């Protein structure tokens, strides 16, 4: 090589080395960015799953509360019907008082005693 061309070849070689280093660094950064994007997508999916589970849980709690409310409303209506039936039967003569098992259970639950004799 001629001495006057040495600086030019040195510049070309350093430029090629810098370019290789630049592209190697760029590839590393792209891999890191791809990993970060993948992590973000997974985090987003997990957040969506957690939100969906929370909504499902809220829906379950609401349905359970509604079912419980409906049960107690039905129970109140049945108890009112039984109470009316018991009060009517208590006005009947002793021989004609025929209480059902539910009426007996209602009497014991509300009054804490057994039915009077003859019922």
Protein backbone atom coordinates (compact mmCIF):
# COMPACT_ATOMS: atom_id res chain seq x y z
CA UNK A 1 0.00 0.00 0.00
CA UNK A 2 1.16 3.47 -0.75
CA UNK A 3 1.86 5.69 2.20
CA UNK A 4 -0.50 8.43 1.00
CA UNK A 5 -3.45 5.95 0.93
CA UNK A 6 -2.89 4.66 4.46
CA UNK A 7 -4.94 7.35 6.18
CA UNK A 8 -7.82 6.73 3.79
CA UNK A 9 -7.78 2.97 4.36
CA UNK A 10 -7.60 3.62 8.10
CA UNK A 11 -10.67 5.87 7.83
CA UNK A 12 -12.55 3.28 5.80
CA UNK A 13 -11.65 0.52 8.25
CA UNK A 14 -12.75 2.60 11.26
CA UNK A 15 -15.92 3.57 9.45
CA UNK A 16 -16.67 -0.10 8.69
CA UNK A 17 -15.94 -1.05 12.31
CA UNK A 18 -18.20 1.75 13.61
CA UNK A 19 -20.94 0.69 11.20
CA UNK A 20 -20.68 -2.94 12.37
CA UNK A 21 -20.80 -1.80 16.00
CA UNK A 22 -23.78 0.47 15.21
CA UNK A 23 -25.75 -2.35 13.59
CA UNK A 24 -24.85 -4.78 16.40
CA UNK A 25 -26.02 -2.22 18.96
CA UNK A 26 -29.16 -1.55 16.91
CA UNK A 27 -29.95 -5.27 16.78
CA UNK A 28 -29.50 -5.58 20.55
CA UNK A 29 -31.78 -2.58 21.12
CA UNK A 30 -34.43 -4.00 18.77
CA UNK A 31 -34.36 -7.29 20.67
CA UNK A 32 -34.74 -5.43 23.97
CA UNK A 33 -37.59 -3.38 22.53
CA UNK A 34 -39.30 -6.54 21.22
CA UNK A 35 -38.97 -8.16 24.66
CA UNK A 36 -40.37 -5.03 26.30
CA UNK A 37 -43.34 -4.94 23.87
CA UNK A 38 -43.98 -8.62 24.58
CA UNK A 39 -43.85 -7.94 28.33
CA UNK A 40 -46.28 -5.02 27.89
CA UNK A 41 -48.69 -7.21 25.94
CA UNK A 42 -48.55 -9.89 28.61
CA UNK A 43 -49.10 -7.30 31.34
CA UNK A 44 -52.04 -5.88 29.41
CA UNK A 45 -53.53 -9.35 28.97
CA UNK A 46 -53.08 -10.09 32.67
CA UNK A 47 -54.76 -6.79 33.54
CA UNK A 48 -57.66 -7.62 31.24
CA UNK A 49 -57.98 -11.08 32.79
CA UNK A 50 -57.99 -9.59 36.29
CA UNK A 51 -60.62 -7.05 35.25
CA UNK A 52 -62.74 -9.80 33.69
CA UNK A 53 -62.45 -11.89 36.85
CA UNK A 54 -63.39 -8.89 38.98
CA UNK A 55 -66.43 -8.20 36.81
CA UNK A 56 -67.41 -11.87 36.93
CA UNK A 57 -67.04 -11.84 40.72
CA UNK A 58 -69.18 -8.69 40.99
CA UNK A 59 -71.81 -10.31 38.77
CA UNK A 60 -71.72 -13.45 40.93
CA UNK A 61 -72.09 -11.39 44.13
CA UNK A 62 -75.02 -9.46 42.63
CA UNK A 63 -76.75 -12.64 41.46
CA UNK A 64 -76.21 -14.23 44.86
CA UNK A 65 -77.57 -11.16 46.65
CA UNK A 66 -80.58 -11.07 44.32
CA UNK A 67 -81.24 -14.78 44.89
CA UNK A 68 -80.95 -14.31 48.65
CA UNK A 69 -83.29 -11.33 48.54
CA UNK A 70 -85.81 -13.30 46.47
CA UNK A 71 -85.54 -16.20 48.94
CA UNK A 72 -86.29 -13.97 51.92
CA UNK A 73 -89.16 -12.24 50.11
CA UNK A 74 -90.65 -15.66 49.32
CA UNK A 75 -90.07 -16.71 52.94
CA UNK A 76 -91.89 -13.59 54.22
CA UNK A 77 -94.87 -14.30 51.97
CA UNK A 78 -95.00 -17.95 53.07
CA UNK A 79 -94.71 -16.95 56.73
CA UNK A 80 -97.53 -14.44 56.31
CA UNK A 81 -99.72 -17.13 54.74
CA UNK A 82 -98.89 -19.58 57.52
CA UNK A 83 -99.49 -16.93 60.18
CA UNK A 84 -102.97 -16.23 58.76
CA UNK A 85 -103.68 -19.97 58.59
CA UNK A 86 -102.52 -20.52 62.20
CA UNK A 87 -104.58 -17.60 63.47
CA UNK A 88 -107.63 -18.92 61.65
CA UNK A 89 -107.15 -22.44 63.02
CA UNK A 90 -106.74 -21.08 66.56
CA UNK A 91 -110.27 -19.63 66.30
CA UNK A 92 -111.70 -23.08 65.45
CA UNK A 93 -112.95 -25.46 68.13
CA UNK A 94 -110.30 -27.72 69.68
CA UNK A 95 -111.35 -30.86 67.80
CA UNK A 96 -111.16 -29.22 64.37
CA UNK A 97 -107.66 -27.77 64.68
CA UNK A 98 -105.50 -29.81 62.30
CA UNK A 99 -102.10 -28.15 61.92
CA UNK A 100 -99.72 -29.09 59.12
CA UNK A 101 -96.07 -29.79 59.82
CA UNK A 102 -95.12 -26.35 58.45
CA UNK A 103 -97.66 -24.67 60.72
CA UNK A 104 -96.35 -26.60 63.71
CA UNK A 105 -92.78 -25.59 62.82
CA UNK A 106 -93.91 -21.96 62.41
CA UNK A 107 -95.62 -22.03 65.83
CA UNK A 108 -92.53 -23.48 67.52
CA UNK A 109 -90.21 -21.04 65.75
CA UNK A 110 -92.23 -17.90 66.48
CA UNK A 111 -93.49 -18.71 69.96
CA UNK A 112 -90.78 -21.03 71.24
CA UNK A 113 -93.35 -23.51 72.56
CA UNK A 114 -95.24 -26.57 71.42
CA UNK A 115 -98.81 -26.29 70.15
CA UNK A 116 -101.51 -26.25 72.79
CA UNK A 117 -103.14 -29.58 73.57
CA UNK A 118 -105.84 -30.65 71.17
CA UNK A 119 -104.20 -29.14 68.10
